[in-house]
Amino acid sequence: MVDLNQMALVAEQLRHTLDLIRADISEIRLELEHFEELTDTRLERIEKSSEDHEGRIRDLRDSAQQTKTWMGLATGGNSLVSILAIISALSKGVF
């Protein structure tokens, strides 16, 4: 025969075990929320860093293109001055 005191004791132990399981689940949920917040923060920082790097690369590319353009204009200007000097010399009969 089953003793009622033993049944009550087993029932209390099961309730206690259930309370411990619920507490563990609550703790795990809190840790998961914290991990999600941390992950979101890290992702935002990575995205911002990526945008910063992309902006720097764009700025450097634009700067290189401007430098190339100015160098081309300067080289073209030197060539034009040289051609004008030759024409001027030929018109004066120096050659």
Protein backbone atom coordinates (compact mmCIF):
# COMPACT_ATOMS: atom_id res chain seq x y z
CA MET A 1 0.00 0.00 0.00
CA VAL A 2 1.07 3.53 -0.74
CA ASP A 3 1.49 5.80 2.22
CA LEU A 4 -0.18 9.24 1.82
CA ASN A 5 2.79 10.93 3.47
CA GLN A 6 5.13 9.40 0.92
CA MET A 7 2.85 10.53 -1.92
CA ALA A 8 2.78 14.05 -0.51
CA LEU A 9 6.58 14.01 -0.19
CA VAL A 10 7.01 12.85 -3.81
CA ALA A 11 4.51 15.48 -4.98
CA GLU A 12 6.42 18.21 -3.10
CA GLN A 13 9.73 17.02 -4.57
CA LEU A 14 8.22 17.12 -8.05
CA ARG A 15 6.90 20.67 -7.46
CA HIS A 16 10.31 21.73 -6.24
CA THR A 17 11.99 20.15 -9.28
CA LEU A 18 9.49 21.90 -11.55
CA ASP A 19 10.24 25.24 -9.85
CA LEU A 20 13.98 24.67 -10.41
CA ILE A 21 13.38 23.87 -14.09
CA ARG A 22 11.27 27.02 -14.50
CA ALA A 23 13.99 29.11 -12.83
CA ASP A 24 16.60 27.62 -15.17
CA ILE A 25 14.41 28.37 -18.18
CA SER A 26 13.95 31.98 -17.00
CA GLU A 27 17.70 32.37 -16.55
CA ILE A 28 18.35 30.93 -20.00
CA ARG A 29 15.82 33.34 -21.52
CA LEU A 30 17.54 36.30 -19.84
CA GLU A 31 20.93 35.13 -21.08
CA LEU A 32 19.50 34.73 -24.58
CA GLU A 33 18.06 38.26 -24.51
CA HIS A 34 21.42 39.61 -23.37
CA PHE A 35 23.21 37.64 -26.09
CA GLU A 36 20.78 38.98 -28.73
CA GLU A 37 21.39 42.57 -27.56
CA LEU A 38 25.14 42.00 -27.65
CA THR A 39 24.94 40.46 -31.11
CA ASP A 40 22.82 43.36 -32.40
CA THR A 41 25.32 45.87 -30.99
CA ARG A 42 28.24 44.03 -32.57
CA LEU A 43 26.45 43.84 -35.91
CA GLU A 44 25.71 47.58 -35.83
CA ARG A 45 29.38 48.31 -35.13
CA ILE A 46 30.51 46.03 -37.95
CA GLU A 47 28.07 47.64 -40.38
CA LYS A 48 29.20 51.13 -39.36
CA SER A 49 32.83 50.14 -39.70
CA SER A 50 32.12 48.70 -43.13
CA GLU A 51 30.40 51.92 -44.21
CA ASP A 52 33.38 53.93 -42.91
CA HIS A 53 35.80 51.78 -44.90
CA GLU A 54 33.65 52.05 -48.03
CA GLY A 55 33.58 55.84 -47.62
CA ARG A 56 37.34 55.99 -47.23
CA ILE A 57 37.84 53.83 -50.30
CA ARG A 58 35.48 56.09 -52.31
CA ASP A 59 37.34 59.19 -51.10
CA LEU A 60 40.71 57.70 -52.02
CA ARG A 61 39.43 56.64 -55.44
CA ASP A 62 38.04 60.14 -56.08
CA SER A 63 41.30 61.71 -54.93
CA ALA A 64 43.29 59.44 -57.24
CA GLN A 65 41.04 60.34 -60.16
CA GLN A 66 41.41 64.05 -59.44
CA THR A 67 45.18 63.70 -59.23
CA LYS A 68 45.23 61.78 -62.50
CA THR A 69 43.09 64.47 -64.15
CA TRP A 70 45.31 67.29 -62.91
CA MET A 71 48.44 65.42 -64.01
CA GLY A 72 46.91 64.92 -67.44
CA LEU A 73 46.03 68.58 -67.70
CA ALA A 74 49.51 69.61 -66.53
CA THR A 75 51.16 67.27 -69.05
CA GLY A 76 48.88 68.53 -71.79
CA GLY A 77 49.66 72.12 -70.81
CA ASN A 78 53.39 71.43 -70.99
CA SER A 79 52.94 69.86 -74.43
CA LEU A 80 50.92 72.86 -75.60
CA VAL A 81 53.59 75.29 -74.38
CA SER A 82 56.27 73.25 -76.16
CA ILE A 83 54.29 73.26 -79.41
CA LEU A 84 53.73 77.01 -79.14
CA ALA A 85 57.47 77.54 -78.53
CA ILE A 86 58.34 75.49 -81.63
CA ILE A 87 55.79 77.39 -83.75
CA SER A 88 57.10 80.68 -82.43
CA ALA A 89 60.69 79.65 -83.18
CA LEU A 90 59.78 78.49 -86.67
CA SER A 91 57.91 81.70 -87.41
CA LYS A 92 60.99 83.74 -86.36
CA GLY A 93 63.21 81.60 -88.50
CA VAL A 94 65.36 80.33 -85.66
CA PHE A 95 65.55 76.80 -87.08
